[in-house]
């Protein structure tokens, strides 16, 4: 079962799925889902880098606003 959890200011855990769009990642060029492998801190407060894989298996790294993400976590 996968549930959607609003995760304001919380870093996703490895295995979490995060929908990425320009609303949460201003440099995103399209909407997709990233499965998180790890997170990296960002020098700017309220931001973080997510590193993982896209739905098609390609590696991805995206800078996101922490207060705008929604995390999908297996329960």
PDB file of N, CA and C in Angstrom:
ATOM      1  N   UNK A   1       0.846  -1.180   0.000  1.00  0.00           N
ATOM      2  CA  UNK A   1       0.000   0.000   0.000  1.00  0.00           C
ATOM      3  C   UNK A   1       0.888   1.238   0.000  1.00  0.00           C
ATOM      4  N   UNK A   2       0.563   2.230  -0.813  1.00  0.00           N
ATOM      5  CA  UNK A   2       1.288   3.490  -0.857  1.00  0.00           C
ATOM      6  C   UNK A   2       0.354   4.579  -0.384  1.00  0.00           C
ATOM      7  N   UNK A   3       0.823   5.392   0.539  1.00  0.00           N
ATOM      8  CA  UNK A   3      -0.005   6.495   1.009  1.00  0.00           C
ATOM      9  C   UNK A   3       0.712   7.811   0.711  1.00  0.00           C
ATOM     10  N   UNK A   4      -0.033   8.886   0.552  1.00  0.00           N
ATOM     11  CA  UNK A   4       0.542  10.214   0.341  1.00  0.00           C
ATOM     12  C   UNK A   4       0.592  10.925   1.682  1.00  0.00           C
ATOM     13  N   UNK A   5       1.742  11.458   2.006  1.00  0.00           N
ATOM     14  CA  UNK A   5       1.952  12.143   3.269  1.00  0.00           C
ATOM     15  C   UNK A   5       2.485  13.529   2.964  1.00  0.00           C
ATOM     16  N   UNK A   6       1.825  14.569   3.470  1.00  0.00           N
ATOM     17  CA  UNK A   6       2.353  15.914   3.297  1.00  0.00           C
ATOM     18  C   UNK A   6       3.534  16.048   4.227  1.00  0.00           C
ATOM     19  N   UNK A   7       4.678  16.385   3.696  1.00  0.00           N
ATOM     20  CA  UNK A   7       5.903  16.359   4.486  1.00  0.00           C
ATOM     21  C   UNK A   7       6.560  17.729   4.531  1.00  0.00           C
ATOM     22  N   UNK A   8       5.907  18.680   5.095  1.00  0.00           N
ATOM     23  CA  UNK A   8       6.434  20.039   5.155  1.00  0.00           C
ATOM     24  C   UNK A   8       7.724  20.095   5.971  1.00  0.00           C
ATOM     25  N   UNK A   9       8.820  20.493   5.312  1.00  0.00           N
ATOM     26  CA  UNK A   9      10.097  20.675   5.996  1.00  0.00           C
ATOM     27  C   UNK A   9      10.804  19.397   6.382  1.00  0.00           C
ATOM     28  N   UNK A  10      10.315  18.255   5.941  1.00  0.00           N
ATOM     29  CA  UNK A  10      10.912  16.970   6.298  1.00  0.00           C
ATOM     30  C   UNK A  10      11.566  16.357   5.078  1.00  0.00           C
ATOM     31  N   UNK A  11      12.787  15.858   5.233  1.00  0.00           N
ATOM     32  CA  UNK A  11      13.471  15.199   4.125  1.00  0.00           C
ATOM     33  C   UNK A  11      12.884  13.814   3.890  1.00  0.00           C
ATOM     34  N   UNK A  12      12.674  13.450   2.639  1.00  0.00           N
ATOM     35  CA  UNK A  12      12.189  12.100   2.336  1.00  0.00           C
ATOM     36  C   UNK A  12      13.236  11.053   2.714  1.00  0.00           C
ATOM     37  N   UNK A  13      12.776   9.851   2.975  1.00  0.00           N
ATOM     38  CA  UNK A  13      13.654   8.732   3.284  1.00  0.00           C
ATOM     39  C   UNK A  13      13.961   7.950   2.013  1.00  0.00           C
ATOM     40  N   UNK A  14      15.064   7.186   2.002  1.00  0.00           N
ATOM     41  CA  UNK A  14      15.327   6.334   0.836  1.00  0.00           C
ATOM     42  C   UNK A  14      14.138   5.420   0.557  1.00  0.00           C
ATOM     43  N   UNK A  15      13.759   5.343  -0.713  1.00  0.00           N
ATOM     44  CA  UNK A  15      12.614   4.537  -1.119  1.00  0.00           C
ATOM     45  C   UNK A  15      11.328   5.329  -1.259  1.00  0.00           C
ATOM     46  N   UNK A  16      11.271   6.519  -0.663  1.00  0.00           N
ATOM     47  CA  UNK A  16      10.082   7.360  -0.816  1.00  0.00           C
ATOM     48  C   UNK A  16       9.973   7.843  -2.254  1.00  0.00           C
ATOM     49  N   UNK A  17       8.751   8.059  -2.709  1.00  0.00           N
ATOM     50  CA  UNK A  17       8.506   8.611  -4.037  1.00  0.00           C
ATOM     51  C   UNK A  17       8.010  10.042  -3.882  1.00  0.00           C
ATOM     52  N   UNK A  18       8.609  10.949  -4.672  1.00  0.00           N
ATOM     53  CA  UNK A  18       8.261  12.363  -4.595  1.00  0.00           C
ATOM     54  C   UNK A  18       7.859  12.855  -5.986  1.00  0.00           C
ATOM     55  N   UNK A  19       6.604  13.292  -6.162  1.00  0.00           N
ATOM     56  CA  UNK A  19       6.219  13.891  -7.438  1.00  0.00           C
ATOM     57  C   UNK A  19       6.971  15.206  -7.631  1.00  0.00           C
ATOM     58  N   UNK A  20       7.634  15.351  -8.773  1.00  0.00           N
ATOM     59  CA  UNK A  20       8.420  16.543  -9.069  1.00  0.00           C
ATOM     60  C   UNK A  20       7.722  17.323 -10.179  1.00  0.00           C
ATOM     61  N   UNK A  21       7.564  18.615  -9.960  1.00  0.00           N
ATOM     62  CA  UNK A  21       6.984  19.523 -10.952  1.00  0.00           C
ATOM     63  C   UNK A  21       7.600  20.903 -10.704  1.00  0.00           C
ATOM     64  N   UNK A  22       7.379  21.851 -11.594  1.00  0.00           N
ATOM     65  CA  UNK A  22       7.891  23.200 -11.347  1.00  0.00           C
ATOM     66  C   UNK A  22       7.354  23.837 -10.060  1.00  0.00           C
ATOM     67  N   UNK A  23       6.246  23.345  -9.541  1.00  0.00           N
ATOM     68  CA  UNK A  23       5.696  23.890  -8.297  1.00  0.00           C
ATOM     69  C   UNK A  23       6.575  23.579  -7.087  1.00  0.00           C
ATOM     70  N   UNK A  24       7.312  22.475  -7.119  1.00  0.00           N
ATOM     71  CA  UNK A  24       8.189  22.104  -5.998  1.00  0.00           C
ATOM     72  C   UNK A  24       9.659  22.213  -6.360  1.00  0.00           C
ATOM     73  N   UNK A  25       9.953  22.253  -7.646  1.00  0.00           N
ATOM     74  CA  UNK A  25      11.340  22.339  -8.135  1.00  0.00           C
ATOM     75  C   UNK A  25      11.346  23.300  -9.327  1.00  0.00           C
ATOM     76  N   UNK A  26      11.641  24.567  -9.083  1.00  0.00           N
ATOM     77  CA  UNK A  26      11.517  25.578 -10.134  1.00  0.00           C
ATOM     78  C   UNK A  26      12.333  25.288 -11.403  1.00  0.00           C
ATOM     79  N   UNK A  27      13.383  24.507 -11.312  1.00  0.00           N
ATOM     80  CA  UNK A  27      14.192  24.201 -12.489  1.00  0.00           C
ATOM     81  C   UNK A  27      13.724  22.947 -13.224  1.00  0.00           C
ATOM     82  N   UNK A  28      12.658  22.326 -12.720  1.00  0.00           N
ATOM     83  CA  UNK A  28      12.121  21.123 -13.383  1.00  0.00           C
ATOM     84  C   UNK A  28      11.560  21.497 -14.751  1.00  0.00           C
ATOM     85  N   UNK A  29      11.851  20.666 -15.728  1.00  0.00           N
ATOM     86  CA  UNK A  29      11.361  20.934 -17.085  1.00  0.00           C
ATOM     87  C   UNK A  29      10.117  20.108 -17.420  1.00  0.00           C
ATOM     88  N   UNK A  30       9.772  19.169 -16.564  1.00  0.00           N
ATOM     89  CA  UNK A  30       8.571  18.377 -16.770  1.00  0.00           C
ATOM     90  C   UNK A  30       8.122  17.804 -15.438  1.00  0.00           C
ATOM     91  N   UNK A  31       6.975  17.173 -15.437  1.00  0.00           N
ATOM     92  CA  UNK A  31       6.438  16.538 -14.235  1.00  0.00           C
ATOM     93  C   UNK A  31       6.767  15.054 -14.287  1.00  0.00           C
ATOM     94  N   UNK A  32       7.295  14.531 -13.176  1.00  0.00           N
ATOM     95  CA  UNK A  32       7.645  13.110 -13.094  1.00  0.00           C
ATOM     96  C   UNK A  32       7.710  12.732 -11.620  1.00  0.00           C
ATOM     97  N   UNK A  33       7.971  11.471 -11.344  1.00  0.00           N
ATOM     98  CA  UNK A  33       8.099  10.981  -9.972  1.00  0.00           C
ATOM     99  C   UNK A  33       9.521  10.484  -9.777  1.00  0.00           C
ATOM    100  N   UNK A  34      10.162  10.949  -8.708  1.00  0.00           N
ATOM    101  CA  UNK A  34      11.514  10.541  -8.364  1.00  0.00           C
ATOM    102  C   UNK A  34      11.462   9.605  -7.162  1.00  0.00           C
ATOM    103  N   UNK A  35      12.065   8.428  -7.288  1.00  0.00           N
ATOM    104  CA  UNK A  35      12.221   7.534  -6.139  1.00  0.00           C
ATOM    105  C   UNK A  35      13.558   7.897  -5.495  1.00  0.00           C
ATOM    106  N   UNK A  36      13.505   8.317  -4.253  1.00  0.00           N
ATOM    107  CA  UNK A  36      14.665   8.877  -3.569  1.00  0.00           C
ATOM    108  C   UNK A  36      15.632   7.778  -3.146  1.00  0.00           C
ATOM    109  N   UNK A  37      16.907   7.979  -3.447  1.00  0.00           N
ATOM    110  CA  UNK A  37      17.970   7.110  -2.935  1.00  0.00           C
ATOM    111  C   UNK A  37      18.642   7.764  -1.741  1.00  0.00           C
ATOM    112  N   UNK A  38      18.898   9.070  -1.848  1.00  0.00           N
ATOM    113  CA  UNK A  38      19.434   9.824  -0.727  1.00  0.00           C
ATOM    114  C   UNK A  38      19.145  11.298  -0.932  1.00  0.00           C
ATOM    115  N   UNK A  39      19.349  12.075   0.134  1.00  0.00           N
ATOM    116  CA  UNK A  39      19.171  13.525   0.073  1.00  0.00           C
ATOM    117  C   UNK A  39      20.506  14.192   0.317  1.00  0.00           C
ATOM    118  N   UNK A  40      20.649  15.387  -0.212  1.00  0.00           N
ATOM    119  CA  UNK A  40      21.846  16.183   0.011  1.00  0.00           C
ATOM    120  C   UNK A  40      21.413  17.538   0.550  1.00  0.00           C
ATOM    121  N   UNK A  41      22.130  18.051   1.555  1.00  0.00           N
ATOM    122  CA  UNK A  41      21.780  19.370   2.072  1.00  0.00           C
ATOM    123  C   UNK A  41      22.063  20.455   1.034  1.00  0.00           C
ATOM    124  N   UNK A  42      21.377  21.560   1.173  1.00  0.00           N
ATOM    125  CA  UNK A  42      21.557  22.715   0.305  1.00  0.00           C
ATOM    126  C   UNK A  42      21.957  23.886   1.205  1.00  0.00           C
ATOM    127  N   UNK A  43      22.791  24.776   0.696  1.00  0.00           N
ATOM    128  CA  UNK A  43      23.215  25.934   1.486  1.00  0.00           C
ATOM    129  C   UNK A  43      22.077  26.915   1.767  1.00  0.00           C
ATOM    130  N   UNK A  44      21.041  26.859   0.952  1.00  0.00           N
ATOM    131  CA  UNK A  44      19.902  27.758   1.120  1.00  0.00           C
ATOM    132  C   UNK A  44      18.877  27.122   2.063  1.00  0.00           C
ATOM    133  N   UNK A  45      18.514  27.794   3.164  1.00  0.00           N
ATOM    134  CA  UNK A  45      17.532  27.234   4.087  1.00  0.00           C
ATOM    135  C   UNK A  45      16.201  26.934   3.387  1.00  0.00           C
ATOM    136  N   UNK A  46      15.601  25.803   3.738  1.00  0.00           N
ATOM    137  CA  UNK A  46      14.316  25.420   3.183  1.00  0.00           C
ATOM    138  C   UNK A  46      14.403  24.657   1.867  1.00  0.00           C
ATOM    139  N   UNK A  47      15.611  24.405   1.385  1.00  0.00           N
ATOM    140  CA  UNK A  47      15.833  23.699   0.123  1.00  0.00           C
ATOM    141  C   UNK A  47      16.685  22.455   0.379  1.00  0.00           C
ATOM    142  N   UNK A  48      16.579  21.478  -0.496  1.00  0.00           N
ATOM    143  CA  UNK A  48      17.416  20.273  -0.429  1.00  0.00           C
ATOM    144  C   UNK A  48      17.528  19.685  -1.827  1.00  0.00           C
ATOM    145  N   UNK A  49      18.535  18.860  -2.022  1.00  0.00           N
ATOM    146  CA  UNK A  49      18.673  18.101  -3.261  1.00  0.00           C
ATOM    147  C   UNK A  49      18.186  16.679  -3.012  1.00  0.00           C
ATOM    148  N   UNK A  50      17.397  16.156  -3.931  1.00  0.00           N
ATOM    149  CA  UNK A  50      16.997  14.754  -3.888  1.00  0.00           C
ATOM    150  C   UNK A  50      17.732  14.031  -5.009  1.00  0.00           C
ATOM    151  N   UNK A  51      18.314  12.894  -4.678  1.00  0.00           N
ATOM    152  CA  UNK A  51      19.024  12.077  -5.661  1.00  0.00           C
ATOM    153  C   UNK A  51      18.320  10.728  -5.715  1.00  0.00           C
ATOM    154  N   UNK A  52      18.045  10.260  -6.921  1.00  0.00           N
ATOM    155  CA  UNK A  52      17.340   8.991  -7.045  1.00  0.00           C
ATOM    156  C   UNK A  52      17.165   8.592  -8.492  1.00  0.00           C
ATOM    157  N   UNK A  53      16.049   7.917  -8.768  1.00  0.00           N
ATOM    158  CA  UNK A  53      15.767   7.471 -10.130  1.00  0.00           C
ATOM    159  C   UNK A  53      14.360   7.907 -10.524  1.00  0.00           C
ATOM    160  N   UNK A  54      14.218   8.244 -11.816  1.00  0.00           N
ATOM    161  CA  UNK A  54      12.920   8.586 -12.381  1.00  0.00           C
ATOM    162  C   UNK A  54      12.164   7.302 -12.690  1.00  0.00           C
ATOM    163  N   UNK A  55      10.901   7.420 -13.025  1.00  0.00           N
ATOM    164  CA  UNK A  55      10.068   6.243 -13.314  1.00  0.00           C
ATOM    165  C   UNK A  55      10.630   5.392 -14.442  1.00  0.00           C
ATOM    166  N   UNK A  56      11.323   6.020 -15.405  1.00  0.00           N
ATOM    167  CA  UNK A  56      11.873   5.244 -16.524  1.00  0.00           C
ATOM    168  C   UNK A  56      13.246   4.643 -16.219  1.00  0.00           C
ATOM    169  N   UNK A  57      13.733   4.794 -14.979  1.00  0.00           N
ATOM    170  CA  UNK A  57      14.994   4.182 -14.565  1.00  0.00           C
ATOM    171  C   UNK A  57      16.222   5.067 -14.686  1.00  0.00           C
ATOM    172  N   UNK A  58      16.059   6.244 -15.308  1.00  0.00           N
ATOM    173  CA  UNK A  58      17.202   7.149 -15.427  1.00  0.00           C
ATOM    174  C   UNK A  58      17.542   7.756 -14.062  1.00  0.00           C
ATOM    175  N   UNK A  59      18.849   8.003 -13.814  1.00  0.00           N
ATOM    176  CA  UNK A  59      19.225   8.676 -12.565  1.00  0.00           C
ATOM    177  C   UNK A  59      18.765  10.128 -12.589  1.00  0.00           C
ATOM    178  N   UNK A  60      18.482  10.666 -11.413  1.00  0.00           N
ATOM    179  CA  UNK A  60      18.029  12.050 -11.335  1.00  0.00           C
ATOM    180  C   UNK A  60      18.522  12.736 -10.083  1.00  0.00           C
ATOM    181  N   UNK A  61      18.672  14.049 -10.182  1.00  0.00           N
ATOM    182  CA  UNK A  61      19.036  14.900  -9.042  1.00  0.00           C
ATOM    183  C   UNK A  61      18.280  16.203  -9.229  1.00  0.00           C
ATOM    184  N   UNK A  62      17.550  16.624  -8.208  1.00  0.00           N
ATOM    185  CA  UNK A  62      16.710  17.812  -8.342  1.00  0.00           C
ATOM    186  C   UNK A  62      16.732  18.609  -7.032  1.00  0.00           C
ATOM    187  N   UNK A  63      16.746  19.934  -7.170  1.00  0.00           N
ATOM    188  CA  UNK A  63      16.696  20.827  -6.010  1.00  0.00           C
ATOM    189  C   UNK A  63      15.228  21.179  -5.757  1.00  0.00           C
ATOM    190  N   UNK A  64      14.758  20.960  -4.519  1.00  0.00           N
ATOM    191  CA  UNK A  64      13.337  21.144  -4.215  1.00  0.00           C
ATOM    192  C   UNK A  64      13.129  22.060  -3.011  1.00  0.00           C
ATOM    193  N   UNK A  65      11.924  22.671  -2.961  1.00  0.00           N
ATOM    194  CA  UNK A  65      11.488  23.391  -1.776  1.00  0.00           C
ATOM    195  C   UNK A  65      10.941  22.364  -0.798  1.00  0.00           C
ATOM    196  N   UNK A  66      11.487  22.326   0.402  1.00  0.00           N
ATOM    197  CA  UNK A  66      11.034  21.341   1.392  1.00  0.00           C
ATOM    198  C   UNK A  66       9.593  21.555   1.833  1.00  0.00           C
ATOM    199  N   UNK A  67       9.144  22.798   1.875  1.00  0.00           N
ATOM    200  CA  UNK A  67       7.787  23.048   2.381  1.00  0.00           C
ATOM    201  C   UNK A  67       6.702  22.830   1.341  1.00  0.00           C
ATOM    202  N   UNK A  68       7.066  22.368   0.130  1.00  0.00           N
ATOM    203  CA  UNK A  68       6.061  22.152  -0.912  1.00  0.00           C
ATOM    204  C   UNK A  68       5.971  20.703  -1.397  1.00  0.00           C
ATOM    205  N   UNK A  69       6.774  19.806  -0.864  1.00  0.00           N
ATOM    206  CA  UNK A  69       6.780  18.443  -1.391  1.00  0.00           C
ATOM    207  C   UNK A  69       5.704  17.576  -0.755  1.00  0.00           C
ATOM    208  N   UNK A  70       5.305  16.567  -1.487  1.00  0.00           N
ATOM    209  CA  UNK A  70       4.421  15.514  -0.983  1.00  0.00           C
ATOM    210  C   UNK A  70       5.186  14.212  -1.150  1.00  0.00           C
ATOM    211  N   UNK A  71       5.267  13.439  -0.087  1.00  0.00           N
ATOM    212  CA  UNK A  71       6.033  12.198  -0.086  1.00  0.00           C
ATOM    213  C   UNK A  71       5.084  11.020  -0.146  1.00  0.00           C
ATOM    214  N   UNK A  72       5.355  10.085  -1.044  1.00  0.00           N
ATOM    215  CA  UNK A  72       4.607   8.819  -1.083  1.00  0.00           C
ATOM    216  C   UNK A  72       5.476   7.761  -0.430  1.00  0.00           C
ATOM    217  N   UNK A  73       4.952   7.167   0.613  1.00  0.00           N
ATOM    218  CA  UNK A  73       5.717   6.188   1.388  1.00  0.00           C
ATOM    219  C   UNK A  73       4.932   4.896   1.489  1.00  0.00           C
ATOM    220  N   UNK A  74       5.606   3.765   1.303  1.00  0.00           N
ATOM    221  CA  UNK A  74       4.950   2.464   1.467  1.00  0.00           C
ATOM    222  C   UNK A  74       4.687   2.222   2.946  1.00  0.00           C
ATOM    223  N   UNK A  75       3.450   1.820   3.241  1.00  0.00           N
ATOM    224  CA  UNK A  75       3.061   1.564   4.638  1.00  0.00           C
ATOM    225  C   UNK A  75       2.864   0.082   4.862  1.00  0.00           C
TER     226      UNK A  75
END
